[in-house]
Amino acid sequence: MSSDQRYRFVIPLVVILVVLNIGSLGFLWYGHLNNRPPKPEGDGKPNPEEFLIQQLQLNTEQAQIFRTLRAQHMRETDSLRREIQHLKVHLMEGLFMIPPDTVHARVLSDTIGKLQADFELSVYRHFSDLKQICQTEQHSKLKRLIFEALNKADQAQPPQQEPRRGDDKPPQDNRPRPPAGGE
């Protein structure tokens, strides 16, 4: 076999192998890009409705009633949330008026407090309604979930720090002390 005949077979063979390698690498790279985990729907937070249905092990009828109750609750509380937020913005805007209107600030903060009380009562009624559709054995699970949520919300708050003092003395404990002698 002459060298010209050998190159006639080798060159196309090398070209075919190079094209196959490039194709394989492209296929692997494309597959790698498409195998990323899907992003969670919405804002990435778990759906509280489905979480409660699952954790309480609500049956189909209970779940349907709960979904209806929750939709009604969300309609009611969404308007309260929006109004509270709107009033808070106005309250803080008043801070930058010259001079600040403290009377108006008091009226706004009182209104925010009343709306917040309405909001909390709505949440209470919502969970009371949920308790009504639960069976007795589901009550303890509901209670545990409610108090876990309250504890998480409390832990999410940054700790309150006392204002810094000019000196390095520790703050004094002015709480009343129990009487000595074990009374």
N, C-alpha and C. Protein backbone atom coordinates (compact mmCIF):
# COMPACT_ATOMS: atom_id res chain seq x y z
N MET A 1 0.83 -1.15 0.00
CA MET A 1 0.00 0.00 0.00
C MET A 1 0.89 1.24 0.00
N SER A 2 0.60 2.14 -0.89
CA SER A 2 1.42 3.34 -0.99
C SER A 2 0.98 4.36 0.06
N SER A 3 1.83 5.36 0.29
CA SER A 3 1.52 6.37 1.31
C SER A 3 0.33 7.22 0.89
N ASP A 4 0.12 7.46 -0.39
CA ASP A 4 -1.04 8.23 -0.84
C ASP A 4 -2.35 7.50 -0.52
N GLN A 5 -2.36 6.20 -0.69
CA GLN A 5 -3.57 5.43 -0.39
C GLN A 5 -3.84 5.39 1.12
N ARG A 6 -2.75 5.30 1.89
CA ARG A 6 -2.90 5.28 3.34
C ARG A 6 -3.50 6.60 3.84
N TYR A 7 -3.00 7.75 3.33
CA TYR A 7 -3.53 9.05 3.74
C TYR A 7 -4.96 9.23 3.28
N ARG A 8 -5.31 8.59 2.18
CA ARG A 8 -6.67 8.70 1.68
C ARG A 8 -7.67 8.11 2.67
N PHE A 9 -7.29 7.10 3.42
CA PHE A 9 -8.17 6.49 4.43
C PHE A 9 -8.00 7.14 5.81
N VAL A 10 -6.80 7.56 6.13
CA VAL A 10 -6.51 8.10 7.46
C VAL A 10 -7.12 9.49 7.63
N ILE A 11 -6.99 10.35 6.65
CA ILE A 11 -7.49 11.73 6.77
C ILE A 11 -9.00 11.74 6.98
N PRO A 12 -9.81 11.06 6.19
CA PRO A 12 -11.26 11.05 6.46
C PRO A 12 -11.59 10.41 7.82
N LEU A 13 -10.82 9.40 8.20
CA LEU A 13 -11.05 8.74 9.47
C LEU A 13 -10.78 9.72 10.64
N VAL A 14 -9.71 10.48 10.56
CA VAL A 14 -9.39 11.48 11.58
C VAL A 14 -10.46 12.56 11.62
N VAL A 15 -10.90 13.03 10.46
CA VAL A 15 -11.95 14.06 10.40
C VAL A 15 -13.23 13.54 11.04
N ILE A 16 -13.60 12.30 10.75
CA ILE A 16 -14.81 11.70 11.33
C ILE A 16 -14.67 11.60 12.86
N LEU A 17 -13.50 11.16 13.35
CA LEU A 17 -13.28 11.05 14.79
C LEU A 17 -13.32 12.42 15.48
N VAL A 18 -12.76 13.44 14.86
CA VAL A 18 -12.78 14.79 15.43
C VAL A 18 -14.22 15.29 15.51
N VAL A 19 -14.99 15.10 14.44
CA VAL A 19 -16.39 15.54 14.42
C VAL A 19 -17.19 14.79 15.49
N LEU A 20 -16.97 13.49 15.64
CA LEU A 20 -17.67 12.72 16.68
C LEU A 20 -17.29 13.20 18.07
N ASN A 21 -16.01 13.49 18.31
CA ASN A 21 -15.59 14.00 19.62
C ASN A 21 -16.24 15.35 19.92
N ILE A 22 -16.23 16.25 18.94
CA ILE A 22 -16.86 17.55 19.15
C ILE A 22 -18.36 17.38 19.41
N GLY A 23 -19.00 16.51 18.67
CA GLY A 23 -20.43 16.24 18.87
C GLY A 23 -20.70 15.65 20.25
N SER A 24 -19.85 14.72 20.69
CA SER A 24 -20.03 14.11 22.02
C SER A 24 -19.85 15.13 23.12
N LEU A 25 -18.81 15.97 23.02
CA LEU A 25 -18.59 17.01 24.02
C LEU A 25 -19.76 18.00 24.04
N GLY A 26 -20.24 18.38 22.89
CA GLY A 26 -21.38 19.29 22.81
C GLY A 26 -22.63 18.68 23.44
N PHE A 27 -22.86 17.41 23.16
CA PHE A 27 -24.01 16.73 23.72
C PHE A 27 -23.90 16.66 25.25
N LEU A 28 -22.72 16.31 25.77
CA LEU A 28 -22.52 16.25 27.22
C LEU A 28 -22.70 17.63 27.86
N TRP A 29 -22.15 18.66 27.24
CA TRP A 29 -22.27 20.02 27.79
C TRP A 29 -23.72 20.48 27.79
N TYR A 30 -24.44 20.21 26.71
CA TYR A 30 -25.85 20.58 26.61
C TYR A 30 -26.65 19.84 27.69
N GLY A 31 -26.36 18.56 27.88
CA GLY A 31 -27.05 17.78 28.90
C GLY A 31 -26.75 18.30 30.29
N HIS A 32 -25.52 18.74 30.52
CA HIS A 32 -25.14 19.30 31.83
C HIS A 32 -25.92 20.59 32.11
N LEU A 33 -26.09 21.43 31.11
CA LEU A 33 -26.82 22.68 31.30
C LEU A 33 -28.29 22.45 31.59
N ASN A 34 -28.86 21.42 31.00
CA ASN A 34 -30.29 21.15 31.18
C ASN A 34 -30.59 20.30 32.40
N ASN A 35 -29.58 19.81 33.10
CA ASN A 35 -29.82 18.98 34.28
C ASN A 35 -29.75 19.76 35.57
N ARG A 36 -29.81 21.07 35.51
CA ARG A 36 -29.84 21.88 36.73
C ARG A 36 -31.17 21.64 37.43
N PRO A 37 -31.15 21.64 38.75
CA PRO A 37 -32.42 21.42 39.45
C PRO A 37 -33.39 22.54 39.13
N PRO A 38 -34.66 22.21 38.96
CA PRO A 38 -35.64 23.25 38.63
C PRO A 38 -35.78 24.23 39.79
N LYS A 39 -36.01 25.48 39.44
CA LYS A 39 -36.24 26.50 40.46
C LYS A 39 -37.62 26.28 41.07
N PRO A 40 -37.73 26.49 42.38
CA PRO A 40 -39.06 26.33 42.98
C PRO A 40 -40.02 27.38 42.44
N GLU A 41 -41.30 27.02 42.41
CA GLU A 41 -42.30 27.95 41.90
C GLU A 41 -42.46 29.11 42.86
N GLY A 42 -42.90 30.23 42.36
CA GLY A 42 -43.14 31.41 43.19
C GLY A 42 -41.84 31.98 43.72
N ASP A 43 -41.83 32.29 44.99
CA ASP A 43 -40.66 32.91 45.59
C ASP A 43 -39.76 31.90 46.30
N GLY A 44 -40.00 30.62 46.10
CA GLY A 44 -39.15 29.60 46.68
C GLY A 44 -39.57 29.16 48.07
N LYS A 45 -40.56 29.80 48.64
CA LYS A 45 -41.03 29.43 49.97
C LYS A 45 -42.01 28.27 49.85
N PRO A 46 -42.04 27.40 50.86
CA PRO A 46 -43.02 26.32 50.81
C PRO A 46 -44.44 26.86 50.90
N ASN A 47 -45.37 26.17 50.29
CA ASN A 47 -46.77 26.56 50.29
C ASN A 47 -47.38 26.20 51.64
N PRO A 48 -47.74 27.20 52.47
CA PRO A 48 -48.26 26.89 53.81
C PRO A 48 -49.55 26.08 53.77
N GLU A 49 -50.37 26.30 52.77
CA GLU A 49 -51.63 25.56 52.66
C GLU A 49 -51.35 24.06 52.53
N GLU A 50 -50.49 23.70 51.59
CA GLU A 50 -50.18 22.28 51.38
C GLU A 50 -49.41 21.71 52.56
N PHE A 51 -48.56 22.53 53.18
CA PHE A 51 -47.81 22.09 54.35
C PHE A 51 -48.77 21.68 55.48
N LEU A 52 -49.76 22.53 55.77
CA LEU A 52 -50.71 22.21 56.83
C LEU A 52 -51.56 20.99 56.48
N ILE A 53 -51.98 20.90 55.23
CA ILE A 53 -52.77 19.73 54.80
C ILE A 53 -51.97 18.45 55.02
N GLN A 54 -50.70 18.49 54.66
CA GLN A 54 -49.84 17.31 54.81
C GLN A 54 -49.56 17.02 56.28
N GLN A 55 -49.16 18.03 57.04
CA GLN A 55 -48.78 17.81 58.43
C GLN A 55 -49.97 17.37 59.29
N LEU A 56 -51.14 17.93 59.02
CA LEU A 56 -52.32 17.55 59.79
C LEU A 56 -52.98 16.29 59.25
N GLN A 57 -52.51 15.84 58.10
CA GLN A 57 -53.07 14.67 57.43
C GLN A 57 -54.58 14.83 57.24
N LEU A 58 -54.94 15.98 56.65
CA LEU A 58 -56.35 16.25 56.39
C LEU A 58 -56.85 15.32 55.30
N ASN A 59 -58.07 14.82 55.46
CA ASN A 59 -58.65 14.00 54.40
C ASN A 59 -59.13 14.92 53.27
N THR A 60 -59.65 14.36 52.20
CA THR A 60 -60.03 15.14 51.02
C THR A 60 -61.08 16.19 51.35
N GLU A 61 -62.08 15.81 52.12
CA GLU A 61 -63.14 16.75 52.48
C GLU A 61 -62.60 17.89 53.36
N GLN A 62 -61.80 17.52 54.36
CA GLN A 62 -61.21 18.53 55.24
C GLN A 62 -60.31 19.49 54.44
N ALA A 63 -59.52 18.93 53.53
CA ALA A 63 -58.60 19.75 52.73
C ALA A 63 -59.37 20.74 51.87
N GLN A 64 -60.47 20.31 51.29
CA GLN A 64 -61.27 21.20 50.46
C GLN A 64 -61.87 22.35 51.29
N ILE A 65 -62.40 22.01 52.45
CA ILE A 65 -62.96 23.04 53.34
C ILE A 65 -61.85 24.01 53.76
N PHE A 66 -60.69 23.45 54.12
CA PHE A 66 -59.56 24.29 54.54
C PHE A 66 -59.13 25.23 53.43
N ARG A 67 -59.07 24.74 52.20
CA ARG A 67 -58.67 25.61 51.07
C ARG A 67 -59.65 26.77 50.91
N THR A 68 -60.93 26.49 51.07
CA THR A 68 -61.94 27.55 50.98
C THR A 68 -61.77 28.56 52.11
N LEU A 69 -61.58 28.05 53.34
CA LEU A 69 -61.37 28.93 54.49
C LEU A 69 -60.11 29.78 54.31
N ARG A 70 -59.06 29.17 53.80
CA ARG A 70 -57.80 29.91 53.63
C ARG A 70 -57.92 30.99 52.57
N ALA A 71 -58.61 30.69 51.48
CA ALA A 71 -58.81 31.71 50.44
C ALA A 71 -59.57 32.91 51.00
N GLN A 72 -60.59 32.64 51.79
CA GLN A 72 -61.36 33.71 52.42
C GLN A 72 -60.48 34.50 53.39
N HIS A 73 -59.69 33.80 54.19
CA HIS A 73 -58.79 34.43 55.15
C HIS A 73 -57.76 35.31 54.41
N MET A 74 -57.21 34.83 53.33
CA MET A 74 -56.20 35.59 52.59
C MET A 74 -56.80 36.87 52.00
N ARG A 75 -58.03 36.78 51.50
CA ARG A 75 -58.69 37.99 50.97
C ARG A 75 -58.85 39.02 52.07
N GLU A 76 -59.26 38.55 53.24
CA GLU A 76 -59.48 39.46 54.37
C GLU A 76 -58.17 40.07 54.87
N THR A 77 -57.16 39.26 55.04
CA THR A 77 -55.91 39.77 55.62
C THR A 77 -55.04 40.52 54.62
N ASP A 78 -55.15 40.22 53.34
CA ASP A 78 -54.35 40.96 52.35
C ASP A 78 -54.69 42.45 52.37
N SER A 79 -55.97 42.77 52.46
CA SER A 79 -56.34 44.18 52.50
C SER A 79 -55.84 44.84 53.79
N LEU A 80 -55.87 44.10 54.90
CA LEU A 80 -55.34 44.64 56.16
C LEU A 80 -53.84 44.87 56.06
N ARG A 81 -53.12 43.90 55.49
CA ARG A 81 -51.66 44.04 55.33
C ARG A 81 -51.32 45.26 54.49
N ARG A 82 -52.03 45.40 53.38
CA ARG A 82 -51.75 46.55 52.49
C ARG A 82 -52.02 47.87 53.20
N GLU A 83 -53.12 47.95 53.93
CA GLU A 83 -53.46 49.18 54.63
C GLU A 83 -52.43 49.49 55.72
N ILE A 84 -52.02 48.48 56.48
CA ILE A 84 -51.01 48.67 57.52
C ILE A 84 -49.71 49.17 56.90
N GLN A 85 -49.29 48.55 55.82
CA GLN A 85 -48.04 48.97 55.15
C GLN A 85 -48.16 50.41 54.64
N HIS A 86 -49.29 50.74 54.05
CA HIS A 86 -49.53 52.10 53.54
C HIS A 86 -49.42 53.12 54.68
N LEU A 87 -50.04 52.82 55.81
CA LEU A 87 -50.00 53.75 56.95
C LEU A 87 -48.59 53.85 57.54
N LYS A 88 -47.86 52.74 57.55
CA LYS A 88 -46.48 52.78 58.06
C LYS A 88 -45.61 53.68 57.19
N VAL A 89 -45.83 53.63 55.89
CA VAL A 89 -45.07 54.51 54.99
C VAL A 89 -45.38 55.96 55.30
N HIS A 90 -46.65 56.29 55.47
CA HIS A 90 -47.03 57.67 55.81
C HIS A 90 -46.45 58.09 57.17
N LEU A 91 -46.45 57.17 58.12
CA LEU A 91 -45.89 57.47 59.43
C LEU A 91 -44.41 57.84 59.31
N MET A 92 -43.65 57.05 58.57
CA MET A 92 -42.22 57.32 58.42
C MET A 92 -41.94 58.55 57.56
N GLU A 93 -42.81 58.82 56.59
CA GLU A 93 -42.65 60.04 55.81
C GLU A 93 -42.79 61.27 56.70
N GLY A 94 -43.69 61.20 57.69
CA GLY A 94 -43.89 62.30 58.61
C GLY A 94 -42.67 62.59 59.47
N LEU A 95 -41.83 61.61 59.62
CA LEU A 95 -40.61 61.77 60.39
C LEU A 95 -39.70 62.84 59.77
N PHE A 96 -39.77 62.99 58.45
CA PHE A 96 -38.87 63.90 57.75
C PHE A 96 -39.50 65.25 57.45
N MET A 97 -40.69 65.49 58.00
CA MET A 97 -41.31 66.82 57.86
C MET A 97 -40.63 67.77 58.85
N ILE A 98 -40.61 69.02 58.51
CA ILE A 98 -40.01 70.02 59.41
C ILE A 98 -41.10 70.97 59.84
N PRO A 99 -41.45 71.00 61.08
CA PRO A 99 -41.12 70.05 62.14
C PRO A 99 -41.98 68.80 62.01
N PRO A 100 -41.52 67.67 62.56
CA PRO A 100 -42.33 66.45 62.51
C PRO A 100 -43.67 66.66 63.22
N ASP A 101 -44.72 66.12 62.63
CA ASP A 101 -46.07 66.25 63.19
C ASP A 101 -46.33 65.07 64.12
N THR A 102 -46.07 65.26 65.40
CA THR A 102 -46.21 64.16 66.35
C THR A 102 -47.67 63.81 66.62
N VAL A 103 -48.56 64.77 66.47
CA VAL A 103 -49.99 64.47 66.65
C VAL A 103 -50.46 63.53 65.55
N HIS A 104 -50.09 63.85 64.32
CA HIS A 104 -50.46 63.00 63.18
C HIS A 104 -49.80 61.62 63.32
N ALA A 105 -48.56 61.60 63.82
CA ALA A 105 -47.88 60.33 64.03
C ALA A 105 -48.63 59.47 65.04
N ARG A 106 -49.16 60.10 66.09
CA ARG A 106 -49.93 59.37 67.11
C ARG A 106 -51.21 58.80 66.51
N VAL A 107 -51.89 59.59 65.69
CA VAL A 107 -53.12 59.13 65.05
C VAL A 107 -52.82 57.95 64.13
N LEU A 108 -51.75 58.06 63.33
CA LEU A 108 -51.39 56.97 62.42
C LEU A 108 -51.01 55.71 63.19
N SER A 109 -50.21 55.86 64.24
CA SER A 109 -49.79 54.68 64.99
C SER A 109 -50.97 54.02 65.70
N ASP A 110 -51.93 54.82 66.19
CA ASP A 110 -53.14 54.24 66.80
C ASP A 110 -53.95 53.46 65.76
N THR A 111 -54.05 54.03 64.57
CA THR A 111 -54.79 53.36 63.49
C THR A 111 -54.09 52.07 63.09
N ILE A 112 -52.75 52.11 62.99
CA ILE A 112 -51.99 50.90 62.66
C ILE A 112 -52.23 49.84 63.74
N GLY A 113 -52.23 50.26 65.01
CA GLY A 113 -52.47 49.32 66.10
C GLY A 113 -53.83 48.65 66.02
N LYS A 114 -54.85 49.43 65.68
CA LYS A 114 -56.21 48.87 65.56
C LYS A 114 -56.28 47.89 64.40
N LEU A 115 -55.65 48.25 63.27
CA LEU A 115 -55.65 47.35 62.12
C LEU A 115 -54.85 46.08 62.42
N GLN A 116 -53.75 46.22 63.15
CA GLN A 116 -52.96 45.05 63.52
C GLN A 116 -53.77 44.14 64.43
N ALA A 117 -54.55 44.73 65.35
CA ALA A 117 -55.42 43.93 66.22
C ALA A 117 -56.46 43.18 65.38
N ASP A 118 -57.03 43.86 64.38
CA ASP A 118 -57.98 43.19 63.48
C ASP A 118 -57.31 42.03 62.74
N PHE A 119 -56.08 42.26 62.31
CA PHE A 119 -55.32 41.23 61.61
C PHE A 119 -55.12 40.01 62.52
N GLU A 120 -54.69 40.26 63.75
CA GLU A 120 -54.43 39.15 64.68
C GLU A 120 -55.71 38.38 65.00
N LEU A 121 -56.83 39.10 65.15
CA LEU A 121 -58.11 38.42 65.38
C LEU A 121 -58.53 37.58 64.17
N SER A 122 -58.23 38.06 62.99
CA SER A 122 -58.54 37.30 61.78
C SER A 122 -57.71 36.01 61.74
N VAL A 123 -56.45 36.09 62.11
CA VAL A 123 -55.60 34.89 62.16
C VAL A 123 -56.15 33.92 63.21
N TYR A 124 -56.54 34.45 64.36
CA TYR A 124 -57.12 33.61 65.41
C TYR A 124 -58.37 32.89 64.91
N ARG A 125 -59.27 33.65 64.28
CA ARG A 125 -60.51 33.04 63.75
C ARG A 125 -60.19 31.98 62.69
N HIS A 126 -59.19 32.26 61.86
CA HIS A 126 -58.82 31.31 60.81
C HIS A 126 -58.39 29.98 61.42
N PHE A 127 -57.51 30.04 62.43
CA PHE A 127 -57.06 28.79 63.04
C PHE A 127 -58.15 28.15 63.88
N SER A 128 -59.06 28.95 64.42
CA SER A 128 -60.20 28.40 65.14
C SER A 128 -61.09 27.62 64.16
N ASP A 129 -61.31 28.19 62.98
CA ASP A 129 -62.09 27.50 61.95
C ASP A 129 -61.40 26.21 61.52
N LEU A 130 -60.08 26.27 61.37
CA LEU A 130 -59.33 25.06 60.99
C LEU A 130 -59.47 24.01 62.09
N LYS A 131 -59.38 24.41 63.34
CA LYS A 131 -59.53 23.46 64.45
C LYS A 131 -60.90 22.79 64.40
N GLN A 132 -61.94 23.56 64.02
CA GLN A 132 -63.29 23.01 63.96
C GLN A 132 -63.43 21.89 62.93
N ILE A 133 -62.66 21.96 61.84
CA ILE A 133 -62.78 20.90 60.83
C ILE A 133 -61.85 19.73 61.11
N CYS A 134 -60.95 19.90 62.08
CA CYS A 134 -60.03 18.82 62.44
C CYS A 134 -60.71 17.82 63.37
N GLN A 135 -60.26 16.60 63.28
CA GLN A 135 -60.70 15.59 64.21
C GLN A 135 -59.89 15.74 65.49
N THR A 136 -60.39 15.17 66.57
CA THR A 136 -59.77 15.33 67.88
C THR A 136 -58.28 14.97 67.86
N GLU A 137 -57.91 13.90 67.19
CA GLU A 137 -56.50 13.48 67.18
C GLU A 137 -55.61 14.44 66.37
N GLN A 138 -56.21 15.30 65.56
CA GLN A 138 -55.44 16.28 64.79
C GLN A 138 -55.20 17.57 65.59
N HIS A 139 -55.94 17.78 66.67
CA HIS A 139 -55.81 19.00 67.47
C HIS A 139 -54.40 19.18 68.03
N SER A 140 -53.82 18.09 68.55
CA SER A 140 -52.47 18.21 69.13
C SER A 140 -51.44 18.56 68.06
N LYS A 141 -51.61 18.03 66.86
CA LYS A 141 -50.70 18.37 65.76
C LYS A 141 -50.84 19.85 65.39
N LEU A 142 -52.08 20.32 65.33
CA LEU A 142 -52.32 21.72 65.00
C LEU A 142 -51.71 22.63 66.06
N LYS A 143 -51.91 22.28 67.32
CA LYS A 143 -51.34 23.09 68.41
C LYS A 143 -49.82 23.14 68.30
N ARG A 144 -49.19 22.00 68.04
CA ARG A 144 -47.74 21.94 67.91
C ARG A 144 -47.27 22.81 66.76
N LEU A 145 -47.94 22.75 65.61
CA LEU A 145 -47.55 23.54 64.45
C LEU A 145 -47.69 25.04 64.71
N ILE A 146 -48.77 25.43 65.37
CA ILE A 146 -48.99 26.85 65.67
C ILE A 146 -47.88 27.37 66.57
N PHE A 147 -47.58 26.63 67.63
CA PHE A 147 -46.57 27.11 68.57
C PHE A 147 -45.16 27.04 67.99
N GLU A 148 -44.89 26.08 67.11
CA GLU A 148 -43.60 26.06 66.41
C GLU A 148 -43.46 27.31 65.54
N ALA A 149 -44.53 27.67 64.83
CA ALA A 149 -44.50 28.86 63.98
C ALA A 149 -44.29 30.12 64.81
N LEU A 150 -44.97 30.19 65.96
CA LEU A 150 -44.79 31.36 66.84
C LEU A 150 -43.36 31.44 67.36
N ASN A 151 -42.79 30.31 67.72
CA ASN A 151 -41.41 30.30 68.22
C ASN A 151 -40.43 30.71 67.12
N LYS A 152 -40.65 30.24 65.89
CA LYS A 152 -39.77 30.62 64.78
C LYS A 152 -39.87 32.11 64.51
N ALA A 153 -41.08 32.64 64.56
CA ALA A 153 -41.27 34.07 64.32
C ALA A 153 -40.58 34.88 65.42
N ASP A 154 -40.64 34.38 66.65
CA ASP A 154 -40.00 35.08 67.76
C ASP A 154 -38.48 35.03 67.62
N GLN A 155 -37.95 33.91 67.16
CA GLN A 155 -36.50 33.77 66.99
C GLN A 155 -35.99 34.58 65.81
N ALA A 156 -36.86 34.89 64.86
CA ALA A 156 -36.45 35.66 63.69
C ALA A 156 -36.24 37.13 64.03
N GLN A 157 -36.80 37.57 65.15
CA GLN A 157 -36.63 38.96 65.57
C GLN A 157 -35.22 39.16 66.10
N PRO A 158 -34.54 40.23 65.69
CA PRO A 158 -33.21 40.48 66.25
C PRO A 158 -33.34 40.83 67.73
N PRO A 159 -32.38 40.43 68.53
CA PRO A 159 -32.47 40.72 69.96
C PRO A 159 -32.41 42.22 70.20
N GLN A 160 -33.18 42.67 71.17
CA GLN A 160 -33.18 44.08 71.53
C GLN A 160 -31.93 44.37 72.33
N GLN A 161 -31.20 45.40 71.96
CA GLN A 161 -30.00 45.78 72.68
C GLN A 161 -30.26 47.07 73.42
N GLU A 162 -29.71 47.14 74.62
CA GLU A 162 -29.85 48.37 75.39
C GLU A 162 -28.98 49.44 74.76
N PRO A 163 -29.37 50.70 74.91
CA PRO A 163 -28.52 51.77 74.38
C PRO A 163 -27.15 51.73 75.07
N ARG A 164 -26.15 52.08 74.31
CA ARG A 164 -24.79 52.09 74.87
C ARG A 164 -24.65 53.18 75.91
N ARG A 165 -23.96 52.84 76.97
CA ARG A 165 -23.71 53.81 78.03
C ARG A 165 -22.35 54.44 77.79
N GLY A 166 -22.16 55.61 78.39
CA GLY A 166 -20.89 56.29 78.25
C GLY A 166 -19.78 55.58 79.00
N ASP A 167 -20.14 54.83 80.05
CA ASP A 167 -19.11 54.12 80.80
C ASP A 167 -19.19 52.63 80.49
N ASP A 168 -18.22 51.90 80.96
CA ASP A 168 -18.16 50.47 80.67
C ASP A 168 -18.76 49.62 81.77
N LYS A 169 -19.58 50.21 82.63
CA LYS A 169 -20.20 49.46 83.71
C LYS A 169 -21.33 48.59 83.13
N PRO A 170 -21.47 47.37 83.63
CA PRO A 170 -22.59 46.55 83.16
C PRO A 170 -23.90 47.14 83.65
N PRO A 171 -25.02 46.91 82.92
CA PRO A 171 -26.30 47.43 83.36
C PRO A 171 -26.69 46.81 84.70
N GLN A 172 -27.35 47.59 85.53
CA GLN A 172 -27.74 47.10 86.84
C GLN A 172 -29.06 46.34 86.73
N ASP A 173 -29.15 45.31 87.54
CA ASP A 173 -30.37 44.51 87.60
C ASP A 173 -31.23 45.08 88.72
N ASN A 174 -32.31 45.77 88.37
CA ASN A 174 -33.17 46.43 89.35
C ASN A 174 -34.41 45.61 89.69
N ARG A 175 -34.42 44.34 89.30
CA ARG A 175 -35.58 43.51 89.61
C ARG A 175 -35.64 43.25 91.11
N PRO A 176 -36.86 43.13 91.67
CA PRO A 176 -36.95 42.83 93.11
C PRO A 176 -36.37 41.46 93.41
N ARG A 177 -35.69 41.36 94.49
CA ARG A 177 -35.08 40.10 94.90
C ARG A 177 -36.03 39.36 95.83
N PRO A 178 -36.02 38.00 95.76
CA PRO A 178 -36.84 37.24 96.70
C PRO A 178 -36.30 37.42 98.12
N PRO A 179 -37.18 37.38 99.11
CA PRO A 179 -36.73 37.56 100.49
C PRO A 179 -35.78 36.44 100.90
N ALA A 180 -34.82 36.79 101.72
CA ALA A 180 -33.87 35.80 102.20
C ALA A 180 -34.55 34.91 103.24
N GLY A 181 -34.06 33.70 103.37
CA GLY A 181 -34.60 32.81 104.39
C GLY A 181 -35.63 31.83 103.84
N GLY A 182 -35.84 31.78 102.52
CA GLY A 182 -36.68 30.77 101.89
C GLY A 182 -38.16 30.97 102.13
N GLU A 183 -38.64 32.16 102.41
CA GLU A 183 -40.07 32.38 102.63
C GLU A 183 -40.84 32.32 101.36
